[in-house]
């Protein structure tokens, strides 16, 4: 499959079809990927999970 549950691959595909939509790769990692991955951790705090959910929602909004 084109995306193997890897947010960097999602960024690469989106950047191919809509360059800059999600920022450059460094910005994407800071704004979205790091927060979403941290929130998925088994040991994530409620605040970290909330930040991850907000980052995920913002990313979906940006793509829609």
Foldseek 3Di string as FASTA:
>chain_A
DQDDVDVLSVVVVCCVVPNCLCHDSVSNCVQAVVLLVLLPDPPRDPVSVVSNVVSVVVVVVSVD
